[in-house]
Amino acid sequence: MNLISAYSIIAPILIGAIYLRSYSLVIRLLFFFVCLTGVLELALYRIVQELLSNIVKYAEASYIDILLTMERRQMKLEIIDDGNGYIPMPKDHQDSFGLQNIVSRLRYINGTMLRTLRKHKGTTVEISKSLR
């Protein structure tokens, strides 16, 4: 499965979830031709799946941008939303399974994640991985 087909599978799921929540969401995808290994594709797919699920459940976003680019053998995946930004979680949810899974997958592929949280102005998550 390549990333483009993977996201074409995710989009209908999101649209169904959004319909149930009674608000609309625009998902924009921008991909450059990036050749990835199957292991890396699957890890990125699962990470994006978790992040999109969280946006739909909690962020109240009206749009999501998903950008996949490569520059100088550095792959970068950005997920940007205009949702409510960071909302502190109760102490018993600090180590949620979703975040643990993302961190575990990033370690496995030797990738990094940077989150920029802007209260009431959205969130940007940037996943980076050297392809050297």
Protein backbone atom coordinates (compact mmCIF):
# COMPACT_ATOMS: atom_id res chain seq x y z
CA MET A 1 0.00 0.00 0.00
CA ASN A 2 1.46 3.40 -0.87
CA LEU A 3 0.73 6.58 1.07
CA ILE A 4 -1.56 8.08 -1.52
CA SER A 5 -3.83 5.03 -1.50
CA ALA A 6 -3.57 4.86 2.29
CA TYR A 7 -4.90 8.40 2.65
CA SER A 8 -7.63 7.76 0.12
CA ILE A 9 -8.77 5.03 2.52
CA ILE A 10 -8.60 7.36 5.56
CA ALA A 11 -10.55 10.22 3.95
CA PRO A 12 -13.92 8.38 3.70
CA ILE A 13 -13.56 7.22 7.31
CA LEU A 14 -12.99 10.82 8.41
CA ILE A 15 -15.87 12.10 6.34
CA GLY A 16 -18.16 9.53 7.96
CA ALA A 17 -16.97 10.52 11.43
CA ILE A 18 -17.40 14.20 10.61
CA TYR A 19 -20.93 13.62 9.32
CA LEU A 20 -21.82 12.00 12.62
CA ARG A 21 -20.42 15.00 14.50
CA SER A 22 -22.49 17.45 12.37
CA TYR A 23 -19.76 19.75 11.14
CA SER A 24 -17.77 19.96 7.95
CA LEU A 25 -14.06 19.50 7.46
CA VAL A 26 -11.83 20.22 4.48
CA ILE A 27 -8.90 17.85 4.07
CA ARG A 28 -6.19 18.99 1.68
CA LEU A 29 -3.46 16.56 0.66
CA LEU A 30 -0.19 17.59 -0.95
CA PHE A 31 2.26 14.85 -1.90
CA PHE A 32 5.45 14.99 -3.82
CA PHE A 33 6.73 11.76 -5.27
CA VAL A 34 8.53 10.19 -2.35
CA CYS A 35 9.68 6.58 -2.51
CA LEU A 36 9.40 4.98 0.93
CA THR A 37 9.96 1.48 2.25
CA GLY A 38 6.95 -0.59 3.26
CA VAL A 39 7.92 -0.38 6.95
CA LEU A 40 8.16 3.42 6.80
CA GLU A 41 4.89 3.71 4.86
CA LEU A 42 3.03 1.61 7.40
CA ALA A 43 4.49 3.53 10.37
CA LEU A 44 3.55 6.88 8.81
CA TYR A 45 0.10 5.60 7.92
CA ARG A 46 -0.57 4.53 11.52
CA ILE A 47 0.82 7.79 12.93
CA VAL A 48 -1.34 9.88 10.60
CA GLN A 49 -4.34 7.69 11.34
CA GLU A 50 -3.95 8.36 15.08
CA LEU A 51 -3.38 12.10 14.61
CA LEU A 52 -6.41 12.46 12.31
CA SER A 53 -8.55 10.49 14.71
CA ASN A 54 -7.58 12.86 17.53
CA ILE A 55 -8.33 15.91 15.37
CA VAL A 56 -11.79 14.60 14.53
CA LYS A 57 -12.54 13.62 18.14
CA TYR A 58 -11.17 16.61 20.02
CA ALA A 59 -9.95 19.56 17.94
CA GLU A 60 -13.21 20.82 16.40
CA ALA A 61 -11.18 21.72 13.31
CA SER A 62 -12.67 23.02 10.07
CA TYR A 63 -9.67 22.07 7.95
CA ILE A 64 -6.67 19.75 7.95
CA ASP A 65 -3.66 20.05 5.68
CA ILE A 66 -1.52 16.95 5.16
CA LEU A 67 1.78 17.68 3.43
CA LEU A 68 4.39 15.08 2.50
CA THR A 69 7.63 16.46 1.09
CA MET A 70 11.25 15.48 0.69
CA GLU A 71 14.22 17.80 0.55
CA ARG A 72 17.87 16.76 0.59
CA ARG A 73 17.03 13.15 1.59
CA GLN A 74 14.92 14.41 4.50
CA MET A 75 11.28 13.31 4.47
CA LYS A 76 8.85 15.66 6.17
CA LEU A 77 5.20 14.98 6.92
CA GLU A 78 3.16 17.89 8.28
CA ILE A 79 -0.37 17.77 9.63
CA ILE A 80 -1.87 21.19 10.26
CA ASP A 81 -5.33 21.93 11.64
CA ASP A 82 -7.24 25.02 12.70
CA GLY A 83 -8.80 23.40 15.75
CA ASN A 84 -8.86 24.49 19.35
CA GLY A 85 -5.19 23.72 19.93
CA TYR A 86 -3.83 22.23 23.07
CA ILE A 87 -6.20 21.43 25.87
CA PRO A 88 -4.48 20.06 29.00
CA MET A 89 -5.51 16.48 29.62
CA PRO A 90 -6.44 15.06 33.02
CA LYS A 91 -3.48 13.50 34.79
CA ASP A 92 -4.76 9.96 34.18
CA HIS A 93 -4.72 10.54 30.37
CA GLN A 94 -1.21 12.03 30.08
CA ASP A 95 0.22 8.75 28.77
CA SER A 96 -2.55 7.83 26.35
CA PHE A 97 -2.15 4.74 24.21
CA GLY A 98 -2.41 6.83 21.04
CA LEU A 99 0.54 9.04 21.98
CA GLN A 100 2.51 6.03 23.21
CA ASN A 101 1.93 4.30 19.86
CA ILE A 102 3.08 7.37 17.93
CA VAL A 103 6.25 7.69 20.00
CA SER A 104 6.93 3.96 19.67
CA ARG A 105 6.53 4.07 15.88
CA LEU A 106 8.78 7.12 15.63
CA ARG A 107 11.49 5.35 17.61
CA TYR A 108 11.16 2.28 15.37
CA ILE A 109 11.69 4.30 12.18
CA ASN A 110 14.22 6.64 13.84
CA GLY A 111 12.00 9.65 13.18
CA THR A 112 11.26 12.81 15.11
CA MET A 113 8.09 14.73 15.91
CA LEU A 114 7.65 18.41 16.65
CA ARG A 115 4.26 19.68 17.85
CA THR A 116 3.31 23.35 17.78
CA LEU A 117 0.19 23.94 19.81
CA ARG A 118 -1.68 27.26 19.61
CA LYS A 119 -4.68 27.49 21.91
CA HIS A 120 -7.81 28.24 19.83
CA LYS A 121 -5.63 28.60 16.71
CA GLY A 122 -4.81 25.00 15.83
CA THR A 123 -1.98 22.54 15.95
CA THR A 124 0.90 21.65 13.64
CA VAL A 125 2.60 18.28 13.88
CA GLU A 126 5.80 17.79 11.90
CA ILE A 127 7.25 14.30 11.46
CA SER A 128 10.79 14.15 10.06
CA LYS A 129 12.95 11.25 8.97
CA SER A 130 16.33 11.13 7.30
CA LEU A 131 16.31 8.85 4.26
CA ARG A 132 20.09 8.47 4.05
